[in-house]
């Protein structure tokens, strides 16, 4: 797998995680309304989903950071 494809995987994970965060946050914000969490169990599920999304974004950011370090190292080697 190339550094570029690893970078793309990390960026894709960040995008996916932030989209999921927005969806869960929206359900929490609209609790009891149409389109939002309608029960306490759905509210809890959305809160857990929000935390999972946060962890996904953090992990994906670490992938991007690692790919950048590898890329920098390769540039140093070939320079």
Protein backbone atom coordinates (compact mmCIF):
# COMPACT_ATOMS: atom_id res chain seq x y z
CA UNK A 1 0.00 0.00 0.00
CA UNK A 2 1.45 3.37 -0.97
CA UNK A 3 1.75 6.36 1.34
CA UNK A 4 -0.81 8.20 -0.78
CA UNK A 5 -3.40 5.46 -0.40
CA UNK A 6 -2.78 5.29 3.37
CA UNK A 7 -3.27 9.04 3.51
CA UNK A 8 -6.54 8.69 1.58
CA UNK A 9 -7.75 6.00 4.00
CA UNK A 10 -7.02 8.29 6.94
CA UNK A 11 -8.75 11.27 5.35
CA UNK A 12 -11.73 9.12 4.42
CA UNK A 13 -11.97 7.97 8.04
CA UNK A 14 -11.94 11.56 9.26
CA UNK A 15 -14.68 12.53 6.82
CA UNK A 16 -16.82 9.53 7.72
CA UNK A 17 -16.35 10.12 11.43
CA UNK A 18 -17.32 13.79 11.23
CA UNK A 19 -20.41 12.95 9.18
CA UNK A 20 -21.44 10.38 11.79
CA UNK A 21 -20.75 12.90 14.56
CA UNK A 22 -23.06 15.41 12.88
CA UNK A 23 -25.82 12.80 12.53
CA UNK A 24 -25.59 11.71 16.17
CA UNK A 25 -25.36 15.29 17.44
CA UNK A 26 -28.42 16.20 15.39
CA UNK A 27 -30.42 13.34 16.91
CA UNK A 28 -29.37 14.45 20.38
CA UNK A 29 -30.23 18.09 19.67
CA UNK A 30 -33.65 17.12 18.30
CA UNK A 31 -34.43 14.75 21.18
CA UNK A 32 -38.17 14.15 21.32
CA UNK A 33 -38.80 15.86 18.00
CA UNK A 34 -39.35 14.41 14.55
CA UNK A 35 -36.05 13.18 13.06
CA UNK A 36 -34.38 13.04 16.46
CA UNK A 37 -34.00 10.51 19.22
CA UNK A 38 -37.49 9.61 20.45
CA UNK A 39 -36.64 7.58 23.55
CA UNK A 40 -34.02 7.60 26.26
CA UNK A 41 -32.45 4.46 24.79
CA UNK A 42 -32.09 6.19 21.41
CA UNK A 43 -30.63 9.22 23.18
CA UNK A 44 -28.05 7.00 24.89
CA UNK A 45 -27.36 5.20 21.61
CA UNK A 46 -26.69 8.55 19.92
CA UNK A 47 -24.41 9.65 22.77
CA UNK A 48 -22.41 6.42 22.47
CA UNK A 49 -22.31 6.83 18.68
CA UNK A 50 -21.02 10.37 19.13
CA UNK A 51 -18.14 9.09 21.28
CA UNK A 52 -17.39 6.28 18.79
CA UNK A 53 -17.26 8.82 15.98
CA UNK A 54 -14.87 10.97 18.01
CA UNK A 55 -12.56 8.00 18.49
CA UNK A 56 -12.76 7.18 14.77
CA UNK A 57 -11.70 10.72 13.87
CA UNK A 58 -8.82 10.63 16.36
CA UNK A 59 -7.60 7.25 15.07
CA UNK A 60 -7.87 8.41 11.46
CA UNK A 61 -5.93 11.56 12.30
CA UNK A 62 -3.18 9.35 13.70
CA UNK A 63 -3.11 7.44 10.40
CA UNK A 64 -2.75 10.71 8.49
CA UNK A 65 0.02 11.85 10.83
CA UNK A 66 1.88 8.53 10.40
CA UNK A 67 1.55 8.69 6.61
CA UNK A 68 2.94 12.23 6.64
CA UNK A 69 5.93 11.11 8.73
CA UNK A 70 6.64 8.22 6.35
CA UNK A 71 6.35 10.57 3.40
CA UNK A 72 8.77 13.02 5.01
CA UNK A 73 11.20 10.20 5.74
CA UNK A 74 11.06 9.01 2.14
CA UNK A 75 11.72 12.52 0.91
CA UNK A 76 14.73 12.78 3.22
CA UNK A 77 16.08 9.43 2.00
CA UNK A 78 15.75 10.27 -1.69
CA UNK A 79 16.87 13.90 -1.39
